Amino acid sequence: MAYLVSQRTNEMRLRLALGASRGNILSLVLGHGMKLVLIGAAVGFAGAFALTRLMKTLLFGVSPFDPLTFVAVACLLTGVALAACYVPARRAMSVDPMHALRYE
């Protein structure tokens, strides 16, 4: 996400110069990041369900299809990803729109 924000910094400056609020920039970056996280979570769920048969002998005290474990891990990873998206989003909100006007 930091790389994406650094690549789109001029676009965000221009959006701010044209009247977008800082909240719009925050929702733009967080929305894109959360879309990627949800795609990754869906692929991860599918992969986890597929691999539980192979790992059944390594699981002790947990059934292979334990929904609580799947949901807890997904929530934990989503929270970490949200924090990882929030830091570049805060940086994107603090850009100076005058640099975009001088650049163009």
N, C-alpha and C. Protein backbone atom coordinates (compact mmCIF):
# COMPACT_ATOMS: atom_id res chain seq x y z
N MET A 1 0.82 -1.19 0.00
CA MET A 1 0.00 0.00 0.00
C MET A 1 0.87 1.25 0.00
N ALA A 2 1.99 1.20 0.67
CA ALA A 2 2.88 2.36 0.68
C ALA A 2 3.38 2.65 -0.74
N TYR A 3 3.68 1.60 -1.48
CA TYR A 3 4.13 1.79 -2.86
C TYR A 3 3.00 2.36 -3.71
N LEU A 4 1.78 1.87 -3.54
CA LEU A 4 0.64 2.38 -4.29
C LEU A 4 0.41 3.86 -3.99
N VAL A 5 0.49 4.22 -2.73
CA VAL A 5 0.28 5.62 -2.36
C VAL A 5 1.39 6.50 -2.91
N SER A 6 2.63 6.01 -2.89
CA SER A 6 3.72 6.82 -3.43
C SER A 6 3.59 6.99 -4.94
N GLN A 7 3.05 5.99 -5.62
CA GLN A 7 2.85 6.11 -7.07
C GLN A 7 1.70 7.06 -7.41
N ARG A 8 0.70 7.16 -6.54
CA ARG A 8 -0.48 7.97 -6.82
C ARG A 8 -0.50 9.29 -6.05
N THR A 9 0.63 9.70 -5.52
CA THR A 9 0.67 10.93 -4.72
C THR A 9 0.26 12.15 -5.52
N ASN A 10 0.74 12.27 -6.75
CA ASN A 10 0.35 13.44 -7.56
C ASN A 10 -1.14 13.45 -7.85
N GLU A 11 -1.71 12.28 -8.08
CA GLU A 11 -3.16 12.21 -8.29
C GLU A 11 -3.91 12.68 -7.05
N MET A 12 -3.44 12.27 -5.89
CA MET A 12 -4.12 12.65 -4.65
C MET A 12 -3.96 14.14 -4.38
N ARG A 13 -2.80 14.68 -4.70
CA ARG A 13 -2.61 16.13 -4.56
C ARG A 13 -3.55 16.88 -5.47
N LEU A 14 -3.70 16.40 -6.70
CA LEU A 14 -4.60 17.05 -7.64
C LEU A 14 -6.05 16.94 -7.17
N ARG A 15 -6.43 15.80 -6.63
CA ARG A 15 -7.78 15.66 -6.09
C ARG A 15 -8.03 16.65 -4.96
N LEU A 16 -7.04 16.79 -4.08
CA LEU A 16 -7.17 17.75 -2.98
C LEU A 16 -7.26 19.17 -3.52
N ALA A 17 -6.49 19.49 -4.55
CA ALA A 17 -6.52 20.84 -5.12
C ALA A 17 -7.87 21.12 -5.78
N LEU A 18 -8.52 20.10 -6.29
CA LEU A 18 -9.82 20.28 -6.95
C LEU A 18 -10.99 20.22 -5.99
N GLY A 19 -10.72 20.00 -4.71
CA GLY A 19 -11.79 20.10 -3.72
C GLY A 19 -12.13 18.83 -2.97
N ALA A 20 -11.42 17.77 -3.18
CA ALA A 20 -11.70 16.55 -2.42
C ALA A 20 -11.29 16.76 -0.96
N SER A 21 -12.05 16.19 -0.07
CA SER A 21 -11.70 16.33 1.34
C SER A 21 -10.66 15.27 1.70
N ARG A 22 -10.04 15.47 2.83
CA ARG A 22 -9.04 14.50 3.29
C ARG A 22 -9.70 13.16 3.62
N GLY A 23 -10.95 13.21 4.02
CA GLY A 23 -11.69 11.97 4.27
C GLY A 23 -11.91 11.17 3.00
N ASN A 24 -12.09 11.87 1.88
CA ASN A 24 -12.24 11.17 0.60
C ASN A 24 -10.96 10.44 0.22
N ILE A 25 -9.82 11.08 0.48
CA ILE A 25 -8.54 10.45 0.18
C ILE A 25 -8.33 9.24 1.09
N LEU A 26 -8.69 9.39 2.36
CA LEU A 26 -8.58 8.27 3.30
C LEU A 26 -9.45 7.10 2.85
N SER A 27 -10.69 7.38 2.47
CA SER A 27 -11.57 6.29 2.04
C SER A 27 -11.11 5.69 0.72
N LEU A 28 -10.49 6.48 -0.15
CA LEU A 28 -9.97 5.95 -1.41
C LEU A 28 -8.87 4.92 -1.15
N VAL A 29 -7.92 5.28 -0.31
CA VAL A 29 -6.80 4.38 -0.03
C VAL A 29 -7.26 3.16 0.78
N LEU A 30 -8.06 3.39 1.83
CA LEU A 30 -8.52 2.28 2.65
C LEU A 30 -9.46 1.36 1.86
N GLY A 31 -10.28 1.93 1.00
CA GLY A 31 -11.17 1.12 0.20
C GLY A 31 -10.42 0.21 -0.75
N HIS A 32 -9.39 0.74 -1.38
CA HIS A 32 -8.58 -0.09 -2.28
C HIS A 32 -7.85 -1.17 -1.51
N GLY A 33 -7.32 -0.82 -0.36
CA GLY A 33 -6.61 -1.80 0.46
C GLY A 33 -7.54 -2.89 0.98
N MET A 34 -8.72 -2.52 1.41
CA MET A 34 -9.65 -3.51 1.93
C MET A 34 -10.19 -4.42 0.83
N LYS A 35 -10.29 -3.89 -0.38
CA LYS A 35 -10.71 -4.74 -1.50
C LYS A 35 -9.66 -5.84 -1.73
N LEU A 36 -8.39 -5.46 -1.67
CA LEU A 36 -7.33 -6.45 -1.82
C LEU A 36 -7.32 -7.45 -0.67
N VAL A 37 -7.60 -6.98 0.53
CA VAL A 37 -7.63 -7.86 1.70
C VAL A 37 -8.77 -8.86 1.58
N LEU A 38 -9.93 -8.42 1.14
CA LEU A 38 -11.06 -9.34 1.00
C LEU A 38 -10.81 -10.39 -0.08
N ILE A 39 -10.18 -9.99 -1.16
CA ILE A 39 -9.82 -10.97 -2.20
C ILE A 39 -8.83 -11.98 -1.63
N GLY A 40 -7.84 -11.51 -0.89
CA GLY A 40 -6.87 -12.40 -0.27
C GLY A 40 -7.50 -13.32 0.77
N ALA A 41 -8.46 -12.80 1.52
CA ALA A 41 -9.13 -13.63 2.51
C ALA A 41 -9.96 -14.73 1.84
N ALA A 42 -10.62 -14.39 0.74
CA ALA A 42 -11.41 -15.40 0.02
C ALA A 42 -10.51 -16.50 -0.54
N VAL A 43 -9.38 -16.11 -1.11
CA VAL A 43 -8.43 -17.11 -1.63
C VAL A 43 -7.84 -17.91 -0.48
N GLY A 44 -7.58 -17.25 0.63
CA GLY A 44 -7.04 -17.94 1.81
C GLY A 44 -8.01 -18.95 2.40
N PHE A 45 -9.29 -18.57 2.47
CA PHE A 45 -10.30 -19.52 2.96
C PHE A 45 -10.36 -20.75 2.06
N ALA A 46 -10.38 -20.51 0.75
CA ALA A 46 -10.44 -21.64 -0.18
C ALA A 46 -9.21 -22.54 -0.04
N GLY A 47 -8.04 -21.94 0.08
CA GLY A 47 -6.81 -22.72 0.26
C GLY A 47 -6.78 -23.44 1.58
N ALA A 48 -7.29 -22.80 2.63
CA ALA A 48 -7.30 -23.44 3.95
C ALA A 48 -8.24 -24.64 3.97
N PHE A 49 -9.41 -24.49 3.36
CA PHE A 49 -10.33 -25.63 3.31
C PHE A 49 -9.75 -26.77 2.49
N ALA A 50 -9.02 -26.44 1.44
CA ALA A 50 -8.43 -27.48 0.59
C ALA A 50 -7.29 -28.21 1.31
N LEU A 51 -6.53 -27.49 2.12
CA LEU A 51 -5.36 -28.09 2.77
C LEU A 51 -5.65 -28.73 4.12
N THR A 52 -6.87 -28.57 4.64
CA THR A 52 -7.14 -29.15 5.96
C THR A 52 -7.11 -30.67 5.94
N ARG A 53 -7.45 -31.28 4.82
CA ARG A 53 -7.39 -32.74 4.74
C ARG A 53 -5.95 -33.24 4.87
N LEU A 54 -5.02 -32.48 4.28
CA LEU A 54 -3.62 -32.87 4.36
C LEU A 54 -3.03 -32.65 5.75
N MET A 55 -3.53 -31.64 6.43
CA MET A 55 -2.97 -31.27 7.74
C MET A 55 -3.75 -31.87 8.91
N LYS A 56 -4.70 -32.73 8.63
CA LYS A 56 -5.55 -33.29 9.69
C LYS A 56 -4.74 -33.98 10.78
N THR A 57 -3.65 -34.65 10.41
CA THR A 57 -2.85 -35.37 11.41
C THR A 57 -2.01 -34.41 12.27
N LEU A 58 -1.80 -33.19 11.81
CA LEU A 58 -0.99 -32.23 12.57
C LEU A 58 -1.81 -31.38 13.53
N LEU A 59 -3.14 -31.43 13.43
CA LEU A 59 -4.00 -30.60 14.27
C LEU A 59 -4.38 -31.37 15.53
N PHE A 60 -4.04 -30.79 16.68
CA PHE A 60 -4.35 -31.43 17.96
C PHE A 60 -5.31 -30.54 18.74
N GLY A 61 -6.45 -31.07 19.08
CA GLY A 61 -7.43 -30.32 19.88
C GLY A 61 -8.31 -29.39 19.06
N VAL A 62 -8.15 -29.38 17.77
CA VAL A 62 -8.96 -28.53 16.90
C VAL A 62 -9.43 -29.38 15.73
N SER A 63 -10.72 -29.28 15.43
CA SER A 63 -11.21 -30.04 14.27
C SER A 63 -10.70 -29.37 12.99
N PRO A 64 -10.58 -30.12 11.91
CA PRO A 64 -10.04 -29.53 10.68
C PRO A 64 -10.90 -28.41 10.10
N PHE A 65 -12.19 -28.43 10.36
CA PHE A 65 -13.08 -27.40 9.83
C PHE A 65 -13.68 -26.56 10.95
N ASP A 66 -12.87 -26.14 11.90
CA ASP A 66 -13.32 -25.35 13.04
C ASP A 66 -13.64 -23.93 12.59
N PRO A 67 -14.91 -23.52 12.58
CA PRO A 67 -15.25 -22.19 12.07
C PRO A 67 -14.72 -21.06 12.94
N LEU A 68 -14.64 -21.28 14.25
CA LEU A 68 -14.13 -20.24 15.15
C LEU A 68 -12.67 -19.91 14.83
N THR A 69 -11.88 -20.92 14.56
CA THR A 69 -10.47 -20.70 14.23
C THR A 69 -10.33 -19.95 12.91
N PHE A 70 -11.10 -20.35 11.92
CA PHE A 70 -11.04 -19.68 10.62
C PHE A 70 -11.44 -18.21 10.73
N VAL A 71 -12.52 -17.94 11.46
CA VAL A 71 -12.99 -16.56 11.60
C VAL A 71 -12.02 -15.73 12.43
N ALA A 72 -11.47 -16.31 13.50
CA ALA A 72 -10.53 -15.57 14.35
C ALA A 72 -9.27 -15.20 13.58
N VAL A 73 -8.74 -16.12 12.81
CA VAL A 73 -7.53 -15.83 12.03
C VAL A 73 -7.83 -14.80 10.94
N ALA A 74 -8.98 -14.91 10.30
CA ALA A 74 -9.34 -13.94 9.26
C ALA A 74 -9.51 -12.54 9.85
N CYS A 75 -10.14 -12.45 11.02
CA CYS A 75 -10.31 -11.14 11.67
C CYS A 75 -8.96 -10.56 12.10
N LEU A 76 -8.09 -11.39 12.62
CA LEU A 76 -6.77 -10.92 13.03
C LEU A 76 -5.98 -10.38 11.83
N LEU A 77 -5.96 -11.14 10.75
CA LEU A 77 -5.22 -10.71 9.57
C LEU A 77 -5.85 -9.48 8.91
N THR A 78 -7.17 -9.37 8.96
CA THR A 78 -7.84 -8.19 8.42
C THR A 78 -7.50 -6.96 9.26
N GLY A 79 -7.43 -7.11 10.55
CA GLY A 79 -7.05 -6.00 11.41
C GLY A 79 -5.63 -5.53 11.16
N VAL A 80 -4.73 -6.47 10.98
CA VAL A 80 -3.34 -6.12 10.67
C VAL A 80 -3.25 -5.42 9.31
N ALA A 81 -4.00 -5.92 8.35
CA ALA A 81 -4.00 -5.30 7.02
C ALA A 81 -4.62 -3.90 7.06
N LEU A 82 -5.64 -3.71 7.87
CA LEU A 82 -6.24 -2.38 8.01
C LEU A 82 -5.23 -1.40 8.61
N ALA A 83 -4.48 -1.83 9.59
CA ALA A 83 -3.44 -0.97 10.17
C ALA A 83 -2.35 -0.68 9.14
N ALA A 84 -2.01 -1.68 8.32
CA ALA A 84 -0.99 -1.47 7.29
C ALA A 84 -1.49 -0.54 6.20
N CYS A 85 -2.78 -0.47 5.97
CA CYS A 85 -3.34 0.45 4.98
C CYS A 85 -3.52 1.85 5.56
N TYR A 86 -3.74 1.93 6.87
CA TYR A 86 -4.03 3.22 7.49
C TYR A 86 -2.82 4.14 7.52
N VAL A 87 -1.64 3.58 7.72
CA VAL A 87 -0.44 4.42 7.80
C VAL A 87 -0.17 5.14 6.47
N PRO A 88 -0.16 4.47 5.33
CA PRO A 88 0.01 5.21 4.07
C PRO A 88 -1.17 6.13 3.76
N ALA A 89 -2.36 5.76 4.21
CA ALA A 89 -3.53 6.62 3.98
C ALA A 89 -3.39 7.93 4.74
N ARG A 90 -2.87 7.87 5.96
CA ARG A 90 -2.63 9.10 6.73
C ARG A 90 -1.58 9.98 6.05
N ARG A 91 -0.57 9.33 5.49
CA ARG A 91 0.46 10.08 4.78
C ARG A 91 -0.12 10.72 3.52
N ALA A 92 -1.03 10.02 2.85
CA ALA A 92 -1.65 10.57 1.64
C ALA A 92 -2.56 11.75 1.97
N MET A 93 -3.15 11.74 3.15
CA MET A 93 -4.01 12.85 3.53
C MET A 93 -3.22 14.11 3.82
N SER A 94 -1.96 13.98 4.15
CA SER A 94 -1.18 15.14 4.56
C SER A 94 -0.39 15.78 3.42
N VAL A 95 -0.61 15.35 2.18
CA VAL A 95 0.14 15.93 1.07
C VAL A 95 -0.34 17.36 0.80
N ASP A 96 0.52 18.17 0.27
CA ASP A 96 0.21 19.56 -0.01
C ASP A 96 -0.30 19.67 -1.45
N PRO A 97 -1.53 20.15 -1.66
CA PRO A 97 -2.05 20.22 -3.02
C PRO A 97 -1.35 21.25 -3.90
N MET A 98 -0.65 22.19 -3.31
CA MET A 98 0.05 23.20 -4.12
C MET A 98 1.19 22.60 -4.93
N HIS A 99 1.77 21.51 -4.45
CA HIS A 99 2.83 20.84 -5.22
C HIS A 99 2.28 20.28 -6.52
N ALA A 100 1.05 19.80 -6.50
CA ALA A 100 0.44 19.26 -7.72
C ALA A 100 0.20 20.37 -8.73
N LEU A 101 -0.22 21.52 -8.27
CA LEU A 101 -0.48 22.63 -9.18
C LEU A 101 0.83 23.16 -9.77
N ARG A 102 1.87 23.17 -9.00
CA ARG A 102 3.17 23.61 -9.52
C ARG A 102 3.75 22.58 -10.47
N TYR A 103 3.50 21.30 -10.18
CA TYR A 103 4.03 20.21 -11.00
C TYR A 103 3.40 20.21 -12.38
N GLU A 104 2.08 20.39 -12.44
CA GLU A 104 1.36 20.36 -13.71
C GLU A 104 1.60 21.68 -14.40
